[in-house]
N, C-alpha and C. Protein backbone atom coordinates (compact mmCIF):
# COMPACT_ATOMS: atom_id res chain seq x y z
N MET A 1 0.42 -1.14 0.18
CA MET A 1 0.29 0.16 -0.26
C MET A 1 1.10 1.07 0.41
N ASN A 2 0.53 1.85 -0.49
CA ASN A 2 1.59 3.27 -0.88
C ASN A 2 1.00 4.43 -0.63
N LEU A 3 1.11 5.44 -0.09
CA LEU A 3 0.86 6.90 0.98
C LEU A 3 0.55 7.82 -0.49
N GLU A 4 -0.50 8.69 -0.67
CA GLU A 4 -0.13 9.50 -1.61
C GLU A 4 -1.06 10.94 -1.02
N ARG A 5 0.05 11.29 -1.21
CA ARG A 5 -0.61 12.58 -0.55
C ARG A 5 -1.26 13.80 -1.47
N ALA A 6 -1.23 13.49 -3.26
CA ALA A 6 -2.42 13.99 -3.59
C ALA A 6 -3.46 13.24 -3.38
N LEU A 7 -3.60 11.92 -3.16
CA LEU A 7 -4.99 11.63 -2.66
C LEU A 7 -5.36 11.41 -1.71
N GLN A 8 -4.87 12.49 -0.47
CA GLN A 8 -5.47 12.34 0.99
C GLN A 8 -5.85 13.53 0.36
N LEU A 9 -4.76 14.59 -0.03
CA LEU A 9 -5.04 16.02 -0.58
C LEU A 9 -6.80 16.04 -0.59
N GLU A 10 -6.58 15.60 -2.04
CA GLU A 10 -8.39 15.45 -2.58
C GLU A 10 -9.30 14.85 -1.53
N ILE A 11 -8.90 13.83 -1.13
CA ILE A 11 -10.05 13.09 0.04
C ILE A 11 -10.49 13.85 1.31
N LEU A 12 -9.68 15.29 1.80
CA LEU A 12 -9.72 16.11 2.71
C LEU A 12 -10.56 17.24 1.96
N LEU A 13 -9.70 17.77 0.89
CA LEU A 13 -10.57 18.70 0.72
C LEU A 13 -12.08 18.76 0.08
N HIS A 14 -12.38 17.13 -0.47
CA HIS A 14 -13.83 16.26 -0.71
C HIS A 14 -14.66 17.11 0.25
N CYS A 15 -14.49 16.52 1.45
CA CYS A 15 -14.78 16.14 3.18
C CYS A 15 -15.23 17.70 3.22
N ARG A 16 -14.17 18.78 3.63
CA ARG A 16 -14.48 19.68 3.58
C ARG A 16 -15.41 20.92 3.35
N LYS A 17 -15.84 20.99 2.05
CA LYS A 17 -17.05 21.16 1.23
C LYS A 17 -18.13 20.57 1.89
N SER A 18 -18.25 19.24 2.32
CA SER A 18 -19.60 19.30 3.50
C SER A 18 -19.55 19.47 4.54
N TYR A 19 -18.22 19.62 5.60
CA TYR A 19 -18.34 20.38 6.65
C TYR A 19 -19.30 21.47 7.17
N PRO A 20 -19.75 21.26 8.70
CA PRO A 20 -20.51 19.83 9.14
C PRO A 20 -20.91 18.58 9.45
N ASP A 21 -21.02 18.25 7.81
CA ASP A 21 -22.25 16.89 7.74
C ASP A 21 -20.72 16.29 7.61
N ILE A 22 -21.35 15.18 7.17
CA ILE A 22 -20.80 14.00 6.45
C ILE A 22 -20.46 13.73 4.88
N ALA A 23 -19.03 13.41 4.46
CA ALA A 23 -19.30 13.80 3.10
C ALA A 23 -19.35 12.05 2.16
N PRO A 24 -19.90 12.43 1.17
CA PRO A 24 -19.91 10.65 0.37
C PRO A 24 -18.77 11.04 -0.29
N LEU A 25 -17.99 9.76 0.19
CA LEU A 25 -16.23 9.54 -0.55
C LEU A 25 -16.86 8.52 -2.22
N ASP A 26 -15.90 8.48 -2.88
CA ASP A 26 -15.99 7.46 -4.40
C ASP A 26 -16.61 6.83 -4.19
N GLN A 27 -17.31 6.44 -4.90
CA GLN A 27 -17.77 4.67 -4.46
C GLN A 27 -17.72 4.17 -5.68
N GLN A 28 -17.08 4.50 -6.35
CA GLN A 28 -16.33 3.57 -7.34
C GLN A 28 -15.16 3.24 -7.41
N ARG A 29 -14.52 3.70 -5.97
CA ARG A 29 -13.25 3.25 -5.86
C ARG A 29 -13.68 2.00 -4.39
N GLN A 30 -14.41 1.51 -4.51
CA GLN A 30 -14.81 0.42 -3.61
C GLN A 30 -13.83 -0.59 -3.15
N SER A 31 -13.69 -1.37 -2.28
CA SER A 31 -12.60 -2.29 -1.91
C SER A 31 -11.68 -2.50 -2.78
N ASP A 32 -11.55 -2.81 -3.75
CA ASP A 32 -10.31 -3.34 -4.87
C ASP A 32 -9.58 -2.33 -4.82
N ASP A 33 -9.58 -0.97 -4.68
CA ASP A 33 -8.34 -0.15 -4.76
C ASP A 33 -8.03 -0.16 -3.20
N PRO A 34 -7.25 -0.89 -3.29
CA PRO A 34 -6.22 -0.82 -1.82
C PRO A 34 -5.57 0.25 -1.27
N VAL A 35 -5.22 0.87 -2.22
CA VAL A 35 -4.69 2.08 -2.24
C VAL A 35 -5.32 3.86 -1.38
N TYR A 36 -6.83 3.61 -1.94
CA TYR A 36 -7.78 4.19 -2.04
C TYR A 36 -7.97 3.79 -0.23
N HIS A 37 -8.59 2.96 0.07
CA HIS A 37 -8.78 2.68 1.31
C HIS A 37 -7.47 2.94 2.15
N GLY A 38 -5.83 2.59 1.98
CA GLY A 38 -5.99 2.93 3.19
C GLY A 38 -5.05 3.86 2.70
N ASN A 39 -5.40 4.98 1.65
CA ASN A 39 -4.82 6.04 2.07
C ASN A 39 -6.05 6.48 3.52
N ILE A 40 -7.49 6.26 3.53
CA ILE A 40 -8.39 6.89 4.16
C ILE A 40 -8.31 6.36 5.80
N ALA A 41 -7.94 4.68 5.52
CA ALA A 41 -7.24 4.91 6.97
C ALA A 41 -5.82 5.58 7.84
N TYR A 42 -5.49 6.21 6.60
CA TYR A 42 -4.62 6.61 7.51
C TYR A 42 -4.70 8.41 7.93
N LEU A 43 -5.55 8.66 6.64
CA LEU A 43 -6.15 9.73 6.76
C LEU A 43 -7.34 9.83 8.56
N CYS A 44 -7.82 8.48 8.94
CA CYS A 44 -8.59 8.40 10.08
C CYS A 44 -8.14 8.24 11.21
N GLU A 45 -6.90 7.71 11.00
CA GLU A 45 -5.44 7.25 12.37
C GLU A 45 -5.15 8.29 12.70
N HIS A 46 -4.73 9.13 12.38
CA HIS A 46 -4.14 10.90 12.28
C HIS A 46 -5.40 11.46 12.30
N GLY A 47 -6.88 11.85 12.24
CA GLY A 47 -8.18 11.65 13.03
C GLY A 47 -7.99 13.36 12.17
N LEU A 48 -7.40 13.19 11.12
CA LEU A 48 -8.05 14.24 9.81
C LEU A 48 -9.39 14.19 9.35
N ILE A 49 -10.03 12.47 8.99
CA ILE A 49 -11.02 12.28 8.99
C ILE A 49 -11.85 11.20 10.02
N GLU A 50 -13.06 11.70 9.90
CA GLU A 50 -13.80 10.54 10.90
C GLU A 50 -14.44 9.59 10.26
N CYS A 51 -14.32 8.12 9.83
CA CYS A 51 -15.77 6.87 8.85
C CYS A 51 -16.30 6.06 10.02
N PRO A 52 -17.10 5.94 9.87
CA PRO A 52 -17.84 4.60 10.70
C PRO A 52 -16.90 3.33 10.89
N THR A 53 -17.25 3.32 12.55
CA THR A 53 -16.46 2.02 12.21
C THR A 53 -17.22 0.66 12.70
N ASP A 54 -16.78 0.04 13.20
CA ASP A 54 -16.95 -1.82 13.15
C ASP A 54 -17.27 -1.65 14.96
N ASP A 55 -17.93 -2.81 15.46
CA ASP A 55 -17.85 -2.72 17.32
C ASP A 55 -17.43 -3.17 17.73
N HIS A 56 -15.69 -2.70 16.98
CA HIS A 56 -14.55 -3.52 17.25
C HIS A 56 -13.45 -2.06 17.90
N GLY A 57 -14.76 -1.21 17.52
CA GLY A 57 -13.94 0.84 17.53
C GLY A 57 -12.58 0.83 16.15
N ARG A 58 -12.85 -0.67 14.37
CA ARG A 58 -12.14 -0.41 13.51
C ARG A 58 -12.54 0.17 12.48
N ILE A 59 -12.12 0.58 11.66
CA ILE A 59 -13.05 0.85 10.60
C ILE A 59 -13.24 -0.05 9.73
N ASP A 60 -14.95 0.73 9.48
CA ASP A 60 -15.84 -0.95 8.51
C ASP A 60 -15.66 -0.29 7.29
N LEU A 61 -14.99 -1.85 6.82
CA LEU A 61 -14.45 -1.44 5.23
C LEU A 61 -15.69 -1.80 4.90
N THR A 62 -16.51 -2.03 5.04
CA THR A 62 -17.85 -2.12 4.00
C THR A 62 -18.35 -1.05 3.77
N MET A 63 -18.20 0.07 4.90
CA MET A 63 -19.07 1.40 4.73
C MET A 63 -18.15 2.51 4.63
N VAL A 64 -16.54 2.23 4.87
CA VAL A 64 -15.88 4.09 4.69
C VAL A 64 -15.39 4.36 3.74
N PHE A 65 -16.14 3.43 2.42
CA PHE A 65 -16.29 4.20 1.37
C PHE A 65 -16.98 4.95 0.92
N CYS A 66 -18.33 5.10 1.61
CA CYS A 66 -19.25 5.77 1.09
C CYS A 66 -19.42 6.35 2.08
N LEU A 67 -19.11 6.69 3.29
CA LEU A 67 -19.12 7.95 4.04
C LEU A 67 -17.54 8.87 4.74
N ALA A 68 -17.82 10.12 5.39
CA ALA A 68 -16.21 10.22 5.75
C ALA A 68 -16.93 11.49 6.20
N LYS A 69 -16.44 12.53 7.48
CA LYS A 69 -16.60 13.77 7.87
C LYS A 69 -15.20 13.91 7.85
N ILE A 70 -14.52 15.07 7.92
CA ILE A 70 -13.67 15.67 8.29
C ILE A 70 -13.58 16.96 9.76
N THR A 71 -12.65 16.76 10.46
CA THR A 71 -12.36 16.77 11.38
C THR A 71 -11.40 18.57 12.04
N VAL A 72 -11.73 18.72 12.93
CA VAL A 72 -11.24 20.02 12.95
C VAL A 72 -9.51 20.05 12.94
N GLN A 73 -9.13 19.25 13.11
CA GLN A 73 -7.67 18.76 12.98
C GLN A 73 -7.55 18.62 11.40
N GLY A 74 -8.10 18.36 10.29
CA GLY A 74 -8.02 18.15 9.51
C GLY A 74 -8.06 19.47 8.75
N LEU A 75 -9.56 20.16 9.24
CA LEU A 75 -9.59 21.68 8.70
C LEU A 75 -8.02 22.24 9.58
N ASP A 76 -8.36 22.51 10.54
CA ASP A 76 -6.70 23.54 10.98
C ASP A 76 -5.34 23.04 9.98
N PHE A 77 -5.75 21.35 8.96
CA PHE A 77 -4.05 20.98 8.37
C PHE A 77 -4.03 21.42 7.20
N LEU A 78 -5.10 21.71 6.49
CA LEU A 78 -5.93 22.33 5.38
C LEU A 78 -5.25 23.72 5.32
N GLU A 79 -5.53 24.41 6.40
CA GLU A 79 -4.76 25.95 6.01
C GLU A 79 -3.97 26.03 6.48
N ASP A 80 -3.31 27.33 5.71
CA ASP A 80 -1.65 27.57 5.67
C ASP A 80 -1.12 27.82 6.96
N ASP A 81 -2.12 28.61 8.20
CA ASP A 81 -1.28 28.93 8.80
C ASP A 81 -1.51 27.66 10.36
N GLY A 82 -2.03 26.54 9.93
CA GLY A 82 -2.24 25.70 10.76
C GLY A 82 -3.72 25.70 11.77
N GLY A 83 -4.56 26.99 11.50
CA GLY A 83 -5.71 27.85 12.62
C GLY A 83 -5.65 27.63 13.15
N ILE A 84 -7.28 27.77 13.74
CA ILE A 84 -6.66 27.62 15.38
C ILE A 84 -6.05 27.20 16.44
N SER A 85 -6.09 25.59 15.85
CA SER A 85 -4.64 24.60 16.69
C SER A 85 -3.25 25.28 16.60
N ALA A 86 -3.34 26.03 15.42
CA ALA A 86 -1.91 26.37 15.87
C ALA A 86 -1.61 27.80 16.73
N ILE A 87 -2.87 28.77 17.20
CA ILE A 87 -3.15 30.02 18.15
C ILE A 87 -3.12 29.21 19.63
N LEU A 88 -3.87 27.78 19.79
CA LEU A 88 -4.14 27.58 20.49
C LEU A 88 -3.02 26.55 21.08
N LYS A 89 -2.06 26.14 20.63
CA LYS A 89 -0.83 25.89 21.47
C LYS A 89 0.62 26.61 21.14
N THR A 90 0.34 27.92 20.87
CA THR A 90 1.28 28.57 20.79
C THR A 90 1.72 28.69 22.48
N VAL A 91 2.65 29.01 22.71
CA VAL A 91 3.54 29.06 24.44
C VAL A 91 4.03 30.12 24.34
N THR A 92 3.55 30.92 25.88
CA THR A 92 4.42 32.04 25.58
C THR A 92 4.82 32.02 26.96
N VAL A 93 6.45 32.47 27.33
CA VAL A 93 6.98 32.29 27.89
C VAL A 93 7.25 34.07 28.17
N LYS A 94 7.45 34.38 29.80
CA LYS A 94 7.31 35.46 29.81
C LYS A 94 8.86 35.03 31.34
N LEU A 95 9.45 36.41 31.55
CA LEU A 95 10.60 36.85 32.41
C LEU A 95 9.90 37.68 33.10
N ASP A 96 9.45 37.74 34.62
CA ASP A 96 9.66 39.57 35.06
C ASP A 96 10.30 39.22 35.38
N PRO A 97 10.96 40.76 35.80
CA PRO A 97 12.26 41.96 36.16
C PRO A 97 12.63 40.59 37.14
N GLY A 98 12.07 40.94 37.88
CA GLY A 98 12.89 39.80 39.53
C GLY A 98 13.41 38.57 38.84
N ASP A 99 12.82 37.32 37.90
CA ASP A 99 13.50 36.87 37.68
C ASP A 99 15.01 36.93 37.05
N LEU A 100 14.87 37.69 36.10
CA LEU A 100 15.97 37.87 35.03
C LEU A 100 16.80 39.21 36.14
N ARG A 101 16.38 39.65 37.02
CA ARG A 101 17.57 39.81 37.65
C ARG A 101 18.46 39.26 38.78
N THR A 102 16.98 37.95 38.68
CA THR A 102 18.41 37.55 39.60
C THR A 102 19.08 35.79 38.78
N LEU A 103 18.26 36.43 37.18
CA LEU A 103 19.74 35.49 36.64
C LEU A 103 20.62 36.01 36.26
N LEU A 104 20.62 37.24 36.27
CA LEU A 104 21.79 38.04 36.10
C LEU A 104 22.77 38.47 37.27
N SER A 105 22.07 38.47 37.88
CA SER A 105 23.07 38.17 39.81
C SER A 105 23.79 36.80 39.54
N HIS A 106 23.01 36.24 39.42
CA HIS A 106 23.28 34.50 39.93
C HIS A 106 24.54 34.40 38.47
N LYS A 107 24.94 34.97 37.52
CA LYS A 107 26.22 34.72 36.74
C LYS A 107 27.03 35.68 36.88
N VAL A 108 26.74 36.96 37.72
CA VAL A 108 27.71 37.82 38.29
C VAL A 108 28.65 37.30 39.27
N GLU A 109 27.69 36.91 39.61
CA GLU A 109 28.19 35.86 40.95
C GLU A 109 28.91 34.66 40.90
N ASN A 110 29.08 34.43 39.76
CA ASN A 110 29.23 32.57 39.83
C ASN A 110 30.56 33.02 38.40
N ALA A 111 30.74 34.69 38.11
CA ALA A 111 31.87 34.83 37.29
C ALA A 111 32.73 35.36 37.96
N ASP A 112 33.77 35.46 37.29
CA ASP A 112 35.82 35.24 37.13
C ASP A 112 35.86 36.94 37.39
N LEU A 113 35.95 37.56 38.60
CA LEU A 113 35.12 39.14 38.62
C LEU A 113 36.17 38.89 40.19
N SER A 114 36.28 40.31 40.93
CA SER A 114 36.79 40.54 41.77
C SER A 114 35.66 41.02 42.17
N GLY A 115 35.71 41.08 43.80
CA GLY A 115 34.88 41.55 44.67
C GLY A 115 34.05 42.98 44.93
N ASP A 116 35.39 43.44 44.20
CA ASP A 116 34.27 44.98 43.94
C ASP A 116 33.94 45.26 42.45
N VAL A 117 34.05 44.50 41.68
CA VAL A 117 33.72 44.59 40.45
C VAL A 117 32.08 44.35 40.27
N LYS A 118 31.80 42.92 41.11
CA LYS A 118 30.86 41.78 41.37
C LYS A 118 29.87 42.68 42.01
N LYS A 119 30.34 43.61 43.31
CA LYS A 119 29.46 44.57 44.08
C LYS A 119 28.87 45.47 43.17
N GLU A 120 29.70 46.37 42.65
CA GLU A 120 29.29 47.11 41.65
C GLU A 120 28.39 46.46 40.47
N MET A 121 28.18 45.97 39.87
CA MET A 121 27.40 44.89 38.87
C MET A 121 26.16 45.12 39.84
N LEU A 122 25.96 44.02 41.01
CA LEU A 122 25.27 43.30 41.51
C LEU A 122 24.25 44.56 41.57
N LYS A 123 24.82 45.96 42.26
CA LYS A 123 24.37 47.46 42.58
C LYS A 123 23.16 47.42 41.13
N VAL A 124 23.95 47.72 40.39
CA VAL A 124 23.31 48.03 39.11
C VAL A 124 22.39 47.40 39.08
N ILE A 125 22.55 45.70 38.72
CA ILE A 125 21.20 44.92 38.12
C ILE A 125 20.44 45.28 38.91
N LYS A 126 20.76 45.32 40.54
CA LYS A 126 19.34 45.79 41.48
C LYS A 126 18.29 46.67 40.87
N ALA A 127 19.01 48.05 40.47
CA ALA A 127 18.40 49.25 39.83
C ALA A 127 17.85 49.03 38.67
N LEU A 128 18.39 48.29 37.99
CA LEU A 128 17.90 48.30 36.68
C LEU A 128 16.18 48.80 36.41
N PRO A 129 16.10 49.17 36.03
CA PRO A 129 13.79 49.53 35.78
C PRO A 129 13.83 48.39 34.66
N ALA A 130 12.45 48.87 34.75
CA ALA A 130 12.35 47.13 34.31
C ALA A 130 11.62 47.44 32.38
N GLU A 131 12.34 48.80 31.81
CA GLU A 131 11.85 48.19 30.33
C GLU A 131 13.37 48.11 30.02
N LEU A 132 14.45 48.53 30.74
CA LEU A 132 16.09 47.98 30.02
C LEU A 132 16.37 46.67 30.53
N LEU A 133 15.92 46.17 31.63
CA LEU A 133 15.72 44.73 31.55
C LEU A 133 15.02 43.97 30.53
N LYS A 134 13.98 44.62 29.61
CA LYS A 134 13.39 44.24 28.97
C LYS A 134 14.30 44.01 27.63
N LYS A 135 15.11 45.30 27.44
CA LYS A 135 16.30 45.09 26.39
C LYS A 135 16.80 44.20 26.24
N ILE A 136 17.23 44.24 27.27
CA ILE A 136 18.98 43.52 28.04
C ILE A 136 18.49 41.86 27.55
N ALA A 137 16.69 41.61 27.76
CA ALA A 137 16.46 39.88 27.15
C ALA A 137 16.26 39.85 26.53
N GLN A 138 15.89 40.66 25.14
CA GLN A 138 15.49 40.84 23.30
C GLN A 138 16.81 40.53 23.08
N GLU A 139 18.71 41.38 24.08
CA GLU A 139 19.32 41.04 23.14
C GLU A 139 19.81 39.97 23.48
N PHE A 140 19.52 39.15 24.85
CA PHE A 140 19.96 37.94 25.47
C PHE A 140 19.20 36.56 24.23
N LEU A 141 18.28 37.05 23.64
CA LEU A 141 16.90 36.16 23.30
C LEU A 141 18.07 36.06 21.18
N GLN A 142 17.81 37.39 21.41
CA GLN A 142 18.76 37.96 19.68
C GLN A 142 19.86 36.89 20.07
N SER A 143 21.00 37.31 21.09
CA SER A 143 22.60 36.49 20.82
C SER A 143 22.18 34.51 21.06
N ALA A 144 21.03 33.90 21.72
CA ALA A 144 20.99 32.72 21.93
C ALA A 144 20.52 32.19 20.35
N VAL A 145 19.65 33.33 19.37
CA VAL A 145 19.08 32.41 17.90
C VAL A 145 20.30 32.95 17.09
N ASP A 146 21.38 33.80 17.15
CA ASP A 146 22.38 33.17 16.76
C ASP A 146 23.59 32.57 16.77
N TYR A 147 23.93 31.93 18.08
CA TYR A 147 23.92 31.30 18.40
C TYR A 147 23.41 29.94 18.68
N LEU A 148 22.89 29.61 17.66
CA LEU A 148 21.71 28.10 17.45
C LEU A 148 21.88 26.92 17.81
N PRO A 149 23.56 26.98 16.56
CA PRO A 149 24.20 25.69 16.58
C PRO A 149 24.78 25.07 18.17
N ASN A 150 25.10 25.88 18.47
CA ASN A 150 25.49 25.76 19.82
C ASN A 150 24.18 25.30 21.26
N ALA A 151 23.33 25.80 20.78
CA ALA A 151 21.95 25.03 21.46
C ALA A 151 21.62 23.69 20.87
N LEU A 152 22.00 24.15 19.83
CA LEU A 152 21.29 22.55 19.68
C LEU A 152 22.22 21.31 19.92
N GLN A 153 23.48 21.66 20.29
CA GLN A 153 24.67 20.57 20.68
C GLN A 153 24.27 20.75 22.41
N ILE A 154 23.51 21.72 22.96
CA ILE A 154 23.36 21.62 24.37
C ILE A 154 22.00 20.40 24.31
N ILE A 155 21.34 20.98 24.05
CA ILE A 155 20.51 20.28 23.55
C ILE A 155 19.94 18.55 23.36
N GLN A 156 21.09 18.82 22.44
CA GLN A 156 21.66 17.19 21.82
C GLN A 156 21.93 16.56 23.31
N LYS A 157 23.08 17.08 24.03
CA LYS A 157 23.64 17.37 25.53
C LYS A 157 23.07 15.55 26.19
N TYR A 158 21.58 17.16 26.24
CA TYR A 158 21.09 16.39 27.82
C TYR A 158 20.15 15.16 27.10
N VAL A 159 19.66 15.39 25.55
CA VAL A 159 18.94 14.53 25.57
C VAL A 159 18.86 13.19 25.11
N PHE A 160 20.53 13.25 24.31
CA PHE A 160 20.91 11.61 24.07
C PHE A 160 21.77 11.05 25.21
N GLN A 161 21.64 11.91 26.06
CA GLN A 161 22.52 11.40 27.14
C GLN A 161 22.82 9.98 27.55
């Protein structure tokens, strides 16, 4: 059985036309077309369409060629922007000024600097206004992106220990 992306797209687009209702599928491609059936099964197993199932929850091979319904995952898959799922699954990370001051202070405390220099830097960090901390955080992020190959090595170090 071959997975055919063009056929999968054809099935999804056909089902989208009938959303939110059930769409009749190509009745001429009956069970003698294992590629068609396999691609329908594949889309069902990925949750992009729903098909009738038998008493054991398996795709009902006698009906699968008659009816299917596209799911919200299927609709979002067809959207260039990922649909609402892309918005709902967005993760926002926020550092409040206190957290950033703590991170900066920890870095200074562990740096190879003289005691007087450390004290002065810690004093300055404690007094930094939130807007300046925001600019520093943005520059740190840009720096991290610039050195992404190193970041990937660090990730691999912990993932593949």
